[in-house]
Amino acid sequence: MSAPIKFNREDVIEKAKNLYWEKGYHATSMRNLQDVINMHPGSIYAAFGSKDKLFIESLNRYAADGAKRLADCIEQKDTLLDGLKHFIHTLIVVNKATAPSGMCMIVKTIAELTQNDSPEL
């Protein structure tokens, strides 16, 4: 019988997402992850498989959150263009103080990663 899980997976992914978004993939060390998500390396590997796989889950979370935010903004306005304007305004002005980085996490990732990085990414 395996031991019960003692962490909230969604909370861990959210915290890891914010750390990766702030520091970038390469600048985020296992030690940084340990400190932020409050898990030991063995537990991280047991739960997620690797730093890369946790990063992929974090990036997927970021993309899903952004897609939902975009859909919500479009739904709140009368036209698609007004919805897009509202989305951009929300990202740049409203959420500026709370975003881990001023740069989109996806753009930051594309700029940082190369063909030499893990094939899983």
PDB file of N, CA and C in Angstrom:
ATOM      1  N   MET A   1       0.846  -1.181   0.000  1.00  0.00           N
ATOM      2  CA  MET A   1       0.000   0.000   0.000  1.00  0.00           C
ATOM      3  C   MET A   1       0.890   1.242   0.000  1.00  0.00           C
ATOM      4  N   SER A   2       0.631   2.175  -0.909  1.00  0.00           N
ATOM      5  CA  SER A   2       1.452   3.379  -0.987  1.00  0.00           C
ATOM      6  C   SER A   2       0.993   4.412   0.031  1.00  0.00           C
ATOM      7  N   ALA A   3       1.909   5.297   0.363  1.00  0.00           N
ATOM      8  CA  ALA A   3       1.611   6.364   1.325  1.00  0.00           C
ATOM      9  C   ALA A   3       0.659   7.372   0.693  1.00  0.00           C
ATOM     10  N   PRO A   4      -0.215   7.975   1.478  1.00  0.00           N
ATOM     11  CA  PRO A   4      -1.135   8.978   0.926  1.00  0.00           C
ATOM     12  C   PRO A   4      -0.373  10.222   0.465  1.00  0.00           C
ATOM     13  N   ILE A   5      -0.886  10.840  -0.569  1.00  0.00           N
ATOM     14  CA  ILE A   5      -0.287  12.064  -1.089  1.00  0.00           C
ATOM     15  C   ILE A   5      -0.490  13.176  -0.062  1.00  0.00           C
ATOM     16  N   LYS A   6       0.612  13.897   0.244  1.00  0.00           N
ATOM     17  CA  LYS A   6       0.556  14.927   1.281  1.00  0.00           C
ATOM     18  C   LYS A   6       0.707  16.339   0.715  1.00  0.00           C
ATOM     19  N   PHE A   7       0.332  16.498  -0.538  1.00  0.00           N
ATOM     20  CA  PHE A   7       0.419  17.819  -1.153  1.00  0.00           C
ATOM     21  C   PHE A   7      -0.752  17.999  -2.100  1.00  0.00           C
ATOM     22  N   ASN A   8      -1.054  19.253  -2.395  1.00  0.00           N
ATOM     23  CA  ASN A   8      -2.108  19.580  -3.349  1.00  0.00           C
ATOM     24  C   ASN A   8      -1.451  19.796  -4.703  1.00  0.00           C
ATOM     25  N   ARG A   9      -1.675  18.873  -5.622  1.00  0.00           N
ATOM     26  CA  ARG A   9      -1.016  18.912  -6.934  1.00  0.00           C
ATOM     27  C   ARG A   9      -1.272  20.238  -7.659  1.00  0.00           C
ATOM     28  N   GLU A  10      -2.508  20.702  -7.633  1.00  0.00           N
ATOM     29  CA  GLU A  10      -2.846  21.949  -8.327  1.00  0.00           C
ATOM     30  C   GLU A  10      -2.101  23.140  -7.733  1.00  0.00           C
ATOM     31  N   ASP A  11      -1.983  23.165  -6.417  1.00  0.00           N
ATOM     32  CA  ASP A  11      -1.255  24.234  -5.734  1.00  0.00           C
ATOM     33  C   ASP A  11       0.232  24.194  -6.097  1.00  0.00           C
ATOM     34  N   VAL A  12       0.792  23.004  -6.145  1.00  0.00           N
ATOM     35  CA  VAL A  12       2.205  22.847  -6.501  1.00  0.00           C
ATOM     36  C   VAL A  12       2.449  23.322  -7.927  1.00  0.00           C
ATOM     37  N   ILE A  13       1.582  22.934  -8.851  1.00  0.00           N
ATOM     38  CA  ILE A  13       1.739  23.353 -10.255  1.00  0.00           C
ATOM     39  C   ILE A  13       1.627  24.871 -10.364  1.00  0.00           C
ATOM     40  N   GLU A  14       0.701  25.463  -9.634  1.00  0.00           N
ATOM     41  CA  GLU A  14       0.539  26.927  -9.655  1.00  0.00           C
ATOM     42  C   GLU A  14       1.798  27.631  -9.141  1.00  0.00           C
ATOM     43  N   LYS A  15       2.325  27.151  -8.033  1.00  0.00           N
ATOM     44  CA  LYS A  15       3.541  27.758  -7.477  1.00  0.00           C
ATOM     45  C   LYS A  15       4.728  27.564  -8.407  1.00  0.00           C
ATOM     46  N   ALA A  16       4.857  26.374  -8.979  1.00  0.00           N
ATOM     47  CA  ALA A  16       5.953  26.111  -9.922  1.00  0.00           C
ATOM     48  C   ALA A  16       5.802  26.984 -11.158  1.00  0.00           C
ATOM     49  N   LYS A  17       4.564  27.144 -11.638  1.00  0.00           N
ATOM     50  CA  LYS A  17       4.309  27.999 -12.800  1.00  0.00           C
ATOM     51  C   LYS A  17       4.815  29.410 -12.542  1.00  0.00           C
ATOM     52  N   ASN A  18       4.473  29.955 -11.397  1.00  0.00           N
ATOM     53  CA  ASN A  18       4.887  31.317 -11.078  1.00  0.00           C
ATOM     54  C   ASN A  18       6.404  31.434 -10.949  1.00  0.00           C
ATOM     55  N   LEU A  19       7.041  30.415 -10.402  1.00  0.00           N
ATOM     56  CA  LEU A  19       8.502  30.431 -10.285  1.00  0.00           C
ATOM     57  C   LEU A  19       9.160  30.349 -11.655  1.00  0.00           C
ATOM     58  N   TYR A  20       8.732  29.402 -12.475  1.00  0.00           N
ATOM     59  CA  TYR A  20       9.286  29.280 -13.830  1.00  0.00           C
ATOM     60  C   TYR A  20       9.038  30.559 -14.626  1.00  0.00           C
ATOM     61  N   TRP A  21       7.867  31.139 -14.476  1.00  0.00           N
ATOM     62  CA  TRP A  21       7.519  32.361 -15.199  1.00  0.00           C
ATOM     63  C   TRP A  21       8.427  33.503 -14.755  1.00  0.00           C
ATOM     64  N   GLU A  22       8.689  33.604 -13.471  1.00  0.00           N
ATOM     65  CA  GLU A  22       9.536  34.675 -12.945  1.00  0.00           C
ATOM     66  C   GLU A  22      11.003  34.504 -13.352  1.00  0.00           C
ATOM     67  N   LYS A  23      11.539  33.307 -13.142  1.00  0.00           N
ATOM     68  CA  LYS A  23      12.972  33.091 -13.317  1.00  0.00           C
ATOM     69  C   LYS A  23      13.356  32.543 -14.690  1.00  0.00           C
ATOM     70  N   GLY A  24      12.436  31.862 -15.346  1.00  0.00           N
ATOM     71  CA  GLY A  24      12.751  31.161 -16.579  1.00  0.00           C
ATOM     72  C   GLY A  24      13.115  29.717 -16.261  1.00  0.00           C
ATOM     73  N   TYR A  25      13.065  28.877 -17.277  1.00  0.00           N
ATOM     74  CA  TYR A  25      13.313  27.449 -17.092  1.00  0.00           C
ATOM     75  C   TYR A  25      14.738  27.182 -16.598  1.00  0.00           C
ATOM     76  N   HIS A  26      15.730  27.705 -17.296  1.00  0.00           N
ATOM     77  CA  HIS A  26      17.129  27.405 -16.960  1.00  0.00           C
ATOM     78  C   HIS A  26      17.554  27.996 -15.619  1.00  0.00           C
ATOM     79  N   ALA A  27      17.039  29.145 -15.266  1.00  0.00           N
ATOM     80  CA  ALA A  27      17.443  29.790 -14.011  1.00  0.00           C
ATOM     81  C   ALA A  27      16.725  29.201 -12.797  1.00  0.00           C
ATOM     82  N   THR A  28      15.729  28.373 -13.033  1.00  0.00           N
ATOM     83  CA  THR A  28      15.023  27.725 -11.928  1.00  0.00           C
ATOM     84  C   THR A  28      15.723  26.418 -11.584  1.00  0.00           C
ATOM     85  N   SER A  29      16.317  26.385 -10.414  1.00  0.00           N
ATOM     86  CA  SER A  29      17.030  25.179  -9.981  1.00  0.00           C
ATOM     87  C   SER A  29      16.087  24.264  -9.191  1.00  0.00           C
ATOM     88  N   MET A  30      16.521  23.039  -9.001  1.00  0.00           N
ATOM     89  CA  MET A  30      15.750  22.126  -8.155  1.00  0.00           C
ATOM     90  C   MET A  30      15.628  22.707  -6.752  1.00  0.00           C
ATOM     91  N   ARG A  31      16.671  23.365  -6.286  1.00  0.00           N
ATOM     92  CA  ARG A  31      16.631  23.976  -4.955  1.00  0.00           C
ATOM     93  C   ARG A  31      15.559  25.067  -4.895  1.00  0.00           C
ATOM     94  N   ASN A  32      15.472  25.888  -5.962  1.00  0.00           N
ATOM     95  CA  ASN A  32      14.419  26.901  -6.027  1.00  0.00           C
ATOM     96  C   ASN A  32      13.037  26.245  -5.954  1.00  0.00           C
ATOM     97  N   LEU A  33      12.869  25.189  -6.723  1.00  0.00           N
ATOM     98  CA  LEU A  33      11.589  24.481  -6.720  1.00  0.00           C
ATOM     99  C   LEU A  33      11.270  23.937  -5.329  1.00  0.00           C
ATOM    100  N   GLN A  34      12.258  23.291  -4.712  1.00  0.00           N
ATOM    101  CA  GLN A  34      12.072  22.745  -3.367  1.00  0.00           C
ATOM    102  C   GLN A  34      11.552  23.823  -2.417  1.00  0.00           C
ATOM    103  N   ASP A  35      12.203  24.965  -2.440  1.00  0.00           N
ATOM    104  CA  ASP A  35      11.858  26.039  -1.517  1.00  0.00           C
ATOM    105  C   ASP A  35      10.455  26.588  -1.771  1.00  0.00           C
ATOM    106  N   VAL A  36      10.095  26.744  -3.036  1.00  0.00           N
ATOM    107  CA  VAL A  36       8.819  27.364  -3.372  1.00  0.00           C
ATOM    108  C   VAL A  36       7.643  26.394  -3.221  1.00  0.00           C
ATOM    109  N   ILE A  37       7.828  25.160  -3.651  1.00  0.00           N
ATOM    110  CA  ILE A  37       6.697  24.224  -3.586  1.00  0.00           C
ATOM    111  C   ILE A  37       6.716  23.362  -2.333  1.00  0.00           C
ATOM    112  N   ASN A  38       7.771  23.499  -1.537  1.00  0.00           N
ATOM    113  CA  ASN A  38       7.885  22.808  -0.262  1.00  0.00           C
ATOM    114  C   ASN A  38       7.836  21.281  -0.420  1.00  0.00           C
ATOM    115  N   MET A  39       8.639  20.796  -1.371  1.00  0.00           N
ATOM    116  CA  MET A  39       8.758  19.355  -1.585  1.00  0.00           C
ATOM    117  C   MET A  39      10.224  19.009  -1.744  1.00  0.00           C
ATOM    118  N   HIS A  40      10.600  17.814  -1.331  1.00  0.00           N
ATOM    119  CA  HIS A  40      11.961  17.323  -1.513  1.00  0.00           C
ATOM    120  C   HIS A  40      12.131  16.824  -2.950  1.00  0.00           C
ATOM    121  N   PRO A  41      13.374  16.799  -3.460  1.00  0.00           N
ATOM    122  CA  PRO A  41      13.593  16.359  -4.840  1.00  0.00           C
ATOM    123  C   PRO A  41      12.969  14.993  -5.146  1.00  0.00           C
ATOM    124  N   GLY A  42      13.120  14.052  -4.223  1.00  0.00           N
ATOM    125  CA  GLY A  42      12.545  12.725  -4.456  1.00  0.00           C
ATOM    126  C   GLY A  42      11.040  12.770  -4.627  1.00  0.00           C
ATOM    127  N   SER A  43      10.390  13.611  -3.862  1.00  0.00           N
ATOM    128  CA  SER A  43       8.938  13.752  -3.970  1.00  0.00           C
ATOM    129  C   SER A  43       8.546  14.438  -5.277  1.00  0.00           C
ATOM    130  N   ILE A  44       9.355  15.392  -5.692  1.00  0.00           N
ATOM    131  CA  ILE A  44       9.092  16.070  -6.971  1.00  0.00           C
ATOM    132  C   ILE A  44       9.190  15.055  -8.107  1.00  0.00           C
ATOM    133  N   TYR A  45      10.262  14.260  -8.092  1.00  0.00           N
ATOM    134  CA  TYR A  45      10.437  13.252  -9.145  1.00  0.00           C
ATOM    135  C   TYR A  45       9.349  12.191  -9.087  1.00  0.00           C
ATOM    136  N   ALA A  46       8.958  11.777  -7.882  1.00  0.00           N
ATOM    137  CA  ALA A  46       7.903  10.765  -7.749  1.00  0.00           C
ATOM    138  C   ALA A  46       6.559  11.292  -8.261  1.00  0.00           C
ATOM    139  N   ALA A  47       6.272  12.558  -7.995  1.00  0.00           N
ATOM    140  CA  ALA A  47       4.980  13.137  -8.370  1.00  0.00           C
ATOM    141  C   ALA A  47       4.924  13.580  -9.827  1.00  0.00           C
ATOM    142  N   PHE A  48       6.038  14.099 -10.346  1.00  0.00           N
ATOM    143  CA  PHE A  48       6.015  14.709 -11.680  1.00  0.00           C
ATOM    144  C   PHE A  48       6.955  14.050 -12.686  1.00  0.00           C
ATOM    145  N   GLY A  49       7.879  13.239 -12.236  1.00  0.00           N
ATOM    146  CA  GLY A  49       8.794  12.555 -13.144  1.00  0.00           C
ATOM    147  C   GLY A  49      10.117  13.265 -13.330  1.00  0.00           C
ATOM    148  N   SER A  50      10.094  14.588 -13.414  1.00  0.00           N
ATOM    149  CA  SER A  50      11.323  15.352 -13.616  1.00  0.00           C
ATOM    150  C   SER A  50      11.016  16.846 -13.531  1.00  0.00           C
ATOM    151  N   LYS A  51      12.073  17.634 -13.481  1.00  0.00           N
ATOM    152  CA  LYS A  51      11.928  19.091 -13.523  1.00  0.00           C
ATOM    153  C   LYS A  51      11.267  19.492 -14.844  1.00  0.00           C
ATOM    154  N   ASP A  52      11.649  18.822 -15.927  1.00  0.00           N
ATOM    155  CA  ASP A  52      11.087  19.117 -17.247  1.00  0.00           C
ATOM    156  C   ASP A  52       9.577  18.879 -17.282  1.00  0.00           C
ATOM    157  N   LYS A  53       9.159  17.761 -16.716  1.00  0.00           N
ATOM    158  CA  LYS A  53       7.732  17.431 -16.760  1.00  0.00           C
ATOM    159  C   LYS A  53       6.913  18.375 -15.879  1.00  0.00           C
ATOM    160  N   LEU A  54       7.476  18.798 -14.766  1.00  0.00           N
ATOM    161  CA  LEU A  54       6.800  19.799 -13.940  1.00  0.00           C
ATOM    162  C   LEU A  54       6.710  21.116 -14.713  1.00  0.00           C
ATOM    163  N   PHE A  55       7.760  21.460 -15.433  1.00  0.00           N
ATOM    164  CA  PHE A  55       7.746  22.664 -16.252  1.00  0.00           C
ATOM    165  C   PHE A  55       6.655  22.579 -17.321  1.00  0.00           C
ATOM    166  N   ILE A  56       6.550  21.433 -17.977  1.00  0.00           N
ATOM    167  CA  ILE A  56       5.531  21.257 -19.018  1.00  0.00           C
ATOM    168  C   ILE A  56       4.133  21.419 -18.419  1.00  0.00           C
ATOM    169  N   GLU A  57       3.901  20.827 -17.252  1.00  0.00           N
ATOM    170  CA  GLU A  57       2.595  20.987 -16.598  1.00  0.00           C
ATOM    171  C   GLU A  57       2.352  22.450 -16.232  1.00  0.00           C
ATOM    172  N   SER A  58       3.391  23.134 -15.796  1.00  0.00           N
ATOM    173  CA  SER A  58       3.279  24.546 -15.447  1.00  0.00           C
ATOM    174  C   SER A  58       2.955  25.390 -16.679  1.00  0.00           C
ATOM    175  N   LEU A  59       3.625  25.099 -17.780  1.00  0.00           N
ATOM    176  CA  LEU A  59       3.392  25.820 -19.030  1.00  0.00           C
ATOM    177  C   LEU A  59       1.979  25.549 -19.551  1.00  0.00           C
ATOM    178  N   ASN A  60       1.536  24.311 -19.443  1.00  0.00           N
ATOM    179  CA  ASN A  60       0.163  23.979 -19.837  1.00  0.00           C
ATOM    180  C   ASN A  60      -0.846  24.727 -18.972  1.00  0.00           C
ATOM    181  N   ARG A  61      -0.574  24.839 -17.676  1.00  0.00           N
ATOM    182  CA  ARG A  61      -1.456  25.583 -16.774  1.00  0.00           C
ATOM    183  C   ARG A  61      -1.519  27.046 -17.207  1.00  0.00           C
ATOM    184  N   TYR A  62      -0.346  27.636 -17.499  1.00  0.00           N
ATOM    185  CA  TYR A  62      -0.296  29.028 -17.929  1.00  0.00           C
ATOM    186  C   TYR A  62      -1.137  29.230 -19.199  1.00  0.00           C
ATOM    187  N   ALA A  63      -0.975  28.334 -20.163  1.00  0.00           N
ATOM    188  CA  ALA A  63      -1.718  28.443 -21.421  1.00  0.00           C
ATOM    189  C   ALA A  63      -3.223  28.286 -21.195  1.00  0.00           C
ATOM    190  N   ALA A  64      -3.609  27.333 -20.369  1.00  0.00           N
ATOM    191  CA  ALA A  64      -5.033  27.117 -20.088  1.00  0.00           C
ATOM    192  C   ALA A  64      -5.638  28.320 -19.363  1.00  0.00           C
ATOM    193  N   ASP A  65      -4.899  28.863 -18.400  1.00  0.00           N
ATOM    194  CA  ASP A  65      -5.378  30.052 -17.686  1.00  0.00           C
ATOM    195  C   ASP A  65      -5.544  31.226 -18.649  1.00  0.00           C
ATOM    196  N   GLY A  66      -4.571  31.400 -19.532  1.00  0.00           N
ATOM    197  CA  GLY A  66      -4.640  32.495 -20.506  1.00  0.00           C
ATOM    198  C   GLY A  66      -5.807  32.329 -21.468  1.00  0.00           C
ATOM    199  N   ALA A  67      -6.048  31.097 -21.917  1.00  0.00           N
ATOM    200  CA  ALA A  67      -7.162  30.839 -22.831  1.00  0.00           C
ATOM    201  C   ALA A  67      -8.500  31.126 -22.147  1.00  0.00           C
ATOM    202  N   LYS A  68      -8.614  30.741 -20.891  1.00  0.00           N
ATOM    203  CA  LYS A  68      -9.844  31.016 -20.141  1.00  0.00           C
ATOM    204  C   LYS A  68     -10.023  32.520 -19.941  1.00  0.00           C
ATOM    205  N   ARG A  69      -8.945  33.205 -19.593  1.00  0.00           N
ATOM    206  CA  ARG A  69      -9.002  34.654 -19.388  1.00  0.00           C
ATOM    207  C   ARG A  69      -9.411  35.352 -20.683  1.00  0.00           C
ATOM    208  N   LEU A  70      -8.859  34.901 -21.817  1.00  0.00           N
ATOM    209  CA  LEU A  70      -9.214  35.483 -23.111  1.00  0.00           C
ATOM    210  C   LEU A  70     -10.692  35.249 -23.419  1.00  0.00           C
ATOM    211  N   ALA A  71     -11.168  34.034 -23.215  1.00  0.00           N
ATOM    212  CA  ALA A  71     -12.577  33.730 -23.470  1.00  0.00           C
ATOM    213  C   ALA A  71     -13.486  34.576 -22.581  1.00  0.00           C
ATOM    214  N   ASP A  72     -13.108  34.737 -21.325  1.00  0.00           N
ATOM    215  CA  ASP A  72     -13.901  35.559 -20.403  1.00  0.00           C
ATOM    216  C   ASP A  72     -13.947  37.014 -20.861  1.00  0.00           C
ATOM    217  N   CYS A  73     -12.814  37.544 -21.297  1.00  0.00           N
ATOM    218  CA  CYS A  73     -12.763  38.939 -21.754  1.00  0.00           C
ATOM    219  C   CYS A  73     -13.616  39.137 -23.000  1.00  0.00           C
ATOM    220  N   ILE A  74     -13.560  38.189 -23.921  1.00  0.00           N
ATOM    221  CA  ILE A  74     -14.354  38.291 -25.147  1.00  0.00           C
ATOM    222  C   ILE A  74     -15.840  38.212 -24.815  1.00  0.00           C
ATOM    223  N   GLU A  75     -16.187  37.338 -23.891  1.00  0.00           N
ATOM    224  CA  GLU A  75     -17.585  37.170 -23.498  1.00  0.00           C
ATOM    225  C   GLU A  75     -18.162  38.430 -22.842  1.00  0.00           C
ATOM    226  N   GLN A  76     -17.315  39.192 -22.175  1.00  0.00           N
ATOM    227  CA  GLN A  76     -17.773  40.393 -21.457  1.00  0.00           C
ATOM    228  C   GLN A  76     -18.046  41.582 -22.379  1.00  0.00           C
ATOM    229  N   LYS A  77     -17.562  41.509 -23.606  1.00  0.00           N
ATOM    230  CA  LYS A  77     -17.687  42.652 -24.519  1.00  0.00           C
ATOM    231  C   LYS A  77     -18.615  42.329 -25.684  1.00  0.00           C
ATOM    232  N   ASP A  78     -19.070  43.381 -26.370  1.00  0.00           N
ATOM    233  CA  ASP A  78     -20.013  43.214 -27.477  1.00  0.00           C
ATOM    234  C   ASP A  78     -19.354  42.737 -28.767  1.00  0.00           C
ATOM    235  N   THR A  79     -18.083  43.079 -28.959  1.00  0.00           N
ATOM    236  CA  THR A  79     -17.408  42.666 -30.190  1.00  0.00           C
ATOM    237  C   THR A  79     -16.115  41.926 -29.851  1.00  0.00           C
ATOM    238  N   LEU A  80     -15.652  41.150 -30.796  1.00  0.00           N
ATOM    239  CA  LEU A  80     -14.406  40.413 -30.622  1.00  0.00           C
ATOM    240  C   LEU A  80     -13.242  41.380 -30.408  1.00  0.00           C
ATOM    241  N   LEU A  81     -13.205  42.447 -31.187  1.00  0.00           N
ATOM    242  CA  LEU A  81     -12.126  43.429 -31.048  1.00  0.00           C
ATOM    243  C   LEU A  81     -12.121  44.059 -29.661  1.00  0.00           C
ATOM    244  N   ASP A  82     -13.299  44.429 -29.155  1.00  0.00           N
ATOM    245  CA  ASP A  82     -13.367  44.996 -27.804  1.00  0.00           C
ATOM    246  C   ASP A  82     -12.938  43.971 -26.754  1.00  0.00           C
ATOM    247  N   GLY A  83     -13.277  42.711 -26.975  1.00  0.00           N
ATOM    248  CA  GLY A  83     -12.850  41.653 -26.068  1.00  0.00           C
ATOM    249  C   GLY A  83     -11.344  41.484 -26.062  1.00  0.00           C
ATOM    250  N   LEU A  84     -10.736  41.537 -27.246  1.00  0.00           N
ATOM    251  CA  LEU A  84      -9.272  41.443 -27.338  1.00  0.00           C
ATOM    252  C   LEU A  84      -8.594  42.636 -26.674  1.00  0.00           C
ATOM    253  N   LYS A  85      -9.145  43.826 -26.887  1.00  0.00           N
ATOM    254  CA  LYS A  85      -8.603  45.027 -26.237  1.00  0.00           C
ATOM    255  C   LYS A  85      -8.690  44.894 -24.721  1.00  0.00           C
ATOM    256  N   HIS A  86      -9.808  44.393 -24.237  1.00  0.00           N
ATOM    257  CA  HIS A  86     -10.000  44.202 -22.796  1.00  0.00           C
ATOM    258  C   HIS A  86      -8.996  43.177 -22.257  1.00  0.00           C
ATOM    259  N   PHE A  87      -8.770  42.121 -23.008  1.00  0.00           N
ATOM    260  CA  PHE A  87      -7.805  41.094 -22.621  1.00  0.00           C
ATOM    261  C   PHE A  87      -6.400  41.680 -22.489  1.00  0.00           C
ATOM    262  N   ILE A  88      -5.970  42.422 -23.484  1.00  0.00           N
ATOM    263  CA  ILE A  88      -4.637  43.036 -23.460  1.00  0.00           C
ATOM    264  C   ILE A  88      -4.543  44.032 -22.306  1.00  0.00           C
ATOM    265  N   HIS A  89      -5.561  44.837 -22.123  1.00  0.00           N
ATOM    266  CA  HIS A  89      -5.570  45.813 -21.018  1.00  0.00           C
ATOM    267  C   HIS A  89      -5.458  45.088 -19.676  1.00  0.00           C
ATOM    268  N   THR A  90      -6.189  44.001 -19.526  1.00  0.00           N
ATOM    269  CA  THR A  90      -6.152  43.227 -18.287  1.00  0.00           C
ATOM    270  C   THR A  90      -4.758  42.669 -18.034  1.00  0.00           C
ATOM    271  N   LEU A  91      -4.145  42.119 -19.075  1.00  0.00           N
ATOM    272  CA  LEU A  91      -2.804  41.540 -18.925  1.00  0.00           C
ATOM    273  C   LEU A  91      -1.759  42.596 -18.588  1.00  0.00           C
ATOM    274  N   ILE A  92      -1.794  43.699 -19.300  1.00  0.00           N
ATOM    275  CA  ILE A  92      -0.716  44.680 -19.185  1.00  0.00           C
ATOM    276  C   ILE A  92      -0.929  45.663 -18.036  1.00  0.00           C
ATOM    277  N   VAL A  93      -2.127  46.121 -17.836  1.00  0.00           N
ATOM    278  CA  VAL A  93      -2.382  47.164 -16.838  1.00  0.00           C
ATOM    279  C   VAL A  93      -2.897  46.583 -15.523  1.00  0.00           C
ATOM    280  N   VAL A  94      -3.971  45.832 -15.592  1.00  0.00           N
ATOM    281  CA  VAL A  94      -4.636  45.359 -14.377  1.00  0.00           C
ATOM    282  C   VAL A  94      -3.775  44.354 -13.613  1.00  0.00           C
ATOM    283  N   ASN A  95      -3.184  43.398 -14.310  1.00  0.00           N
ATOM    284  CA  ASN A  95      -2.424  42.331 -13.648  1.00  0.00           C
ATOM    285  C   ASN A  95      -0.926  42.614 -13.534  1.00  0.00           C
ATOM    286  N   LYS A  96      -0.502  43.793 -13.935  1.00  0.00           N
ATOM    287  CA  LYS A  96       0.924  44.122 -13.948  1.00  0.00           C
ATOM    288  C   LYS A  96       1.595  43.899 -12.584  1.00  0.00           C
ATOM    289  N   ALA A  97       0.957  44.311 -11.532  1.00  0.00           N
ATOM    290  CA  ALA A  97       1.561  44.225 -10.196  1.00  0.00           C
ATOM    291  C   ALA A  97       1.582  42.806  -9.642  1.00  0.00           C
ATOM    292  N   THR A  98       0.718  41.941 -10.155  1.00  0.00           N
ATOM    293  CA  THR A  98       0.640  40.592  -9.598  1.00  0.00           C
ATOM    294  C   THR A  98       1.285  39.523 -10.476  1.00  0.00           C
ATOM    295  N   ALA A  99       1.655  39.838 -11.695  1.00  0.00           N
ATOM    296  CA  ALA A  99       2.282  38.854 -12.585  1.00  0.00           C
ATOM    297  C   ALA A  99       3.733  38.627 -12.156  1.00  0.00           C
ATOM    298  N   PRO A 100       4.168  37.363 -12.148  1.00  0.00           N
ATOM    299  CA  PRO A 100       5.548  37.077 -11.772  1.00  0.00           C
ATOM    300  C   PRO A 100       6.581  37.703 -12.717  1.00  0.00           C
ATOM    301  N   SER A 101       6.179  37.960 -13.961  1.00  0.00           N
ATOM    302  CA  SER A 101       7.080  38.562 -14.936  1.00  0.00           C
ATOM    303  C   SER A 101       6.259  39.439 -15.868  1.00  0.00           C
ATOM    304  N   GLY A 102       6.868  40.490 -16.375  1.00  0.00           N
ATOM    305  CA  GLY A 102       6.189  41.348 -17.326  1.00  0.00           C
ATOM    306  C   GLY A 102       6.083  40.721 -18.701  1.00  0.00           C
ATOM    307  N   MET A 103       6.802  39.642 -18.928  1.00  0.00           N
ATOM    308  CA  MET A 103       6.796  38.973 -20.227  1.00  0.00           C
ATOM    309  C   MET A 103       5.891  37.749 -20.173  1.00  0.00           C
ATOM    310  N   CYS A 104       5.200  37.495 -21.249  1.00  0.00           N
ATOM    311  CA  CYS A 104       4.378  36.298 -21.379  1.00  0.00           C
ATOM    312  C   CYS A 104       5.263  35.064 -21.154  1.00  0.00           C
ATOM    313  N   MET A 105       4.790  34.126 -20.364  1.00  0.00           N
ATOM    314  CA  MET A 105       5.580  32.930 -20.057  1.00  0.00           C
ATOM    315  C   MET A 105       5.889  32.114 -21.309  1.00  0.00           C
ATOM    316  N   ILE A 106       4.954  32.055 -22.243  1.00  0.00           N
ATOM    317  CA  ILE A 106       5.178  31.286 -23.463  1.00  0.00           C
ATOM    318  C   ILE A 106       6.248  31.955 -24.317  1.00  0.00           C
ATOM    319  N   VAL A 107       6.169  33.266 -24.479  1.00  0.00           N
ATOM    320  CA  VAL A 107       7.183  33.997 -25.249  1.00  0.00           C
ATOM    321  C   VAL A 107       8.541  33.870 -24.572  1.00  0.00           C
ATOM    322  N   LYS A 108       8.555  33.995 -23.259  1.00  0.00           N
ATOM    323  CA  LYS A 108       9.798  33.866 -22.501  1.00  0.00           C
ATOM    324  C   LYS A 108      10.417  32.474 -22.709  1.00  0.00           C
ATOM    325  N   THR A 109       9.591  31.449 -22.714  1.00  0.00           N
ATOM    326  CA  THR A 109      10.062  30.083 -22.908  1.00  0.00           C
ATOM    327  C   THR A 109      10.631  29.894 -24.306  1.00  0.00           C
ATOM    328  N   ILE A 110       9.930  30.387 -25.309  1.00  0.00           N
ATOM    329  CA  ILE A 110      10.411  30.262 -26.689  1.00  0.00           C
ATOM    330  C   ILE A 110      11.745  30.972 -26.850  1.00  0.00           C
ATOM    331  N   ALA A 111      11.883  32.142 -26.235  1.00  0.00           N
ATOM    332  CA  ALA A 111      13.126  32.896 -26.330  1.00  0.00           C
ATOM    333  C   ALA A 111      14.277  32.203 -25.614  1.00  0.00           C
ATOM    334  N   GLU A 112      13.966  31.444 -24.571  1.00  0.00           N
ATOM    335  CA  GLU A 112      15.000  30.837 -23.741  1.00  0.00           C
ATOM    336  C   GLU A 112      15.461  29.458 -24.226  1.00  0.00           C
ATOM    337  N   LEU A 113      14.538  28.639 -24.653  1.00  0.00           N
ATOM    338  CA  LEU A 113      14.875  27.259 -24.978  1.00  0.00           C
ATOM    339  C   LEU A 113      15.441  27.130 -26.388  1.00  0.00           C
ATOM    340  N   THR A 114      16.305  26.151 -26.557  1.00  0.00           N
ATOM    341  CA  THR A 114      16.937  25.893 -27.849  1.00  0.00           C
ATOM    342  C   THR A 114      16.706  24.445 -28.245  1.00  0.00           C
ATOM    343  N   GLN A 115      17.210  24.058 -29.394  1.00  0.00           N
ATOM    344  CA  GLN A 115      17.098  22.673 -29.848  1.00  0.00           C
ATOM    345  C   GLN A 115      17.875  21.729 -28.950  1.00  0.00           C
ATOM    346  N   ASN A 116      18.827  22.232 -28.183  1.00  0.00           N
ATOM    347  CA  ASN A 116      19.637  21.391 -27.296  1.00  0.00           C
ATOM    348  C   ASN A 116      18.920  21.048 -25.996  1.00  0.00           C
ATOM    349  N   ASP A 117      17.778  21.685 -25.737  1.00  0.00           N
ATOM    350  CA  ASP A 117      17.050  21.391 -24.520  1.00  0.00           C
ATOM    351  C   ASP A 117      16.347  20.051 -24.643  1.00  0.00           C
ATOM    352  N   SER A 118      15.811  19.610 -23.550  1.00  0.00           N
ATOM    353  CA  SER A 118      15.162  18.313 -23.460  1.00  0.00           C
ATOM    354  C   SER A 118      14.171  18.110 -24.596  1.00  0.00           C
ATOM    355  N   PRO A 119      14.171  16.918 -25.216  1.00  0.00           N
ATOM    356  CA  PRO A 119      13.205  16.663 -26.287  1.00  0.00           C
ATOM    357  C   PRO A 119      11.764  16.653 -25.790  1.00  0.00           C
ATOM    358  N   GLU A 120      11.578  16.539 -24.479  1.00  0.00           N
ATOM    359  CA  GLU A 120      10.227  16.558 -23.917  1.00  0.00           C
ATOM    360  C   GLU A 120       9.621  17.944 -23.986  1.00  0.00           C
ATOM    361  N   LEU A 121      10.469  18.970 -24.047  1.00  0.00           N
ATOM    362  CA  LEU A 121       9.967  20.336 -24.056  1.00  0.00           C
ATOM    363  C   LEU A 121       9.591  20.695 -25.422  1.00  0.00           C
TER     364      LEU A 121
END
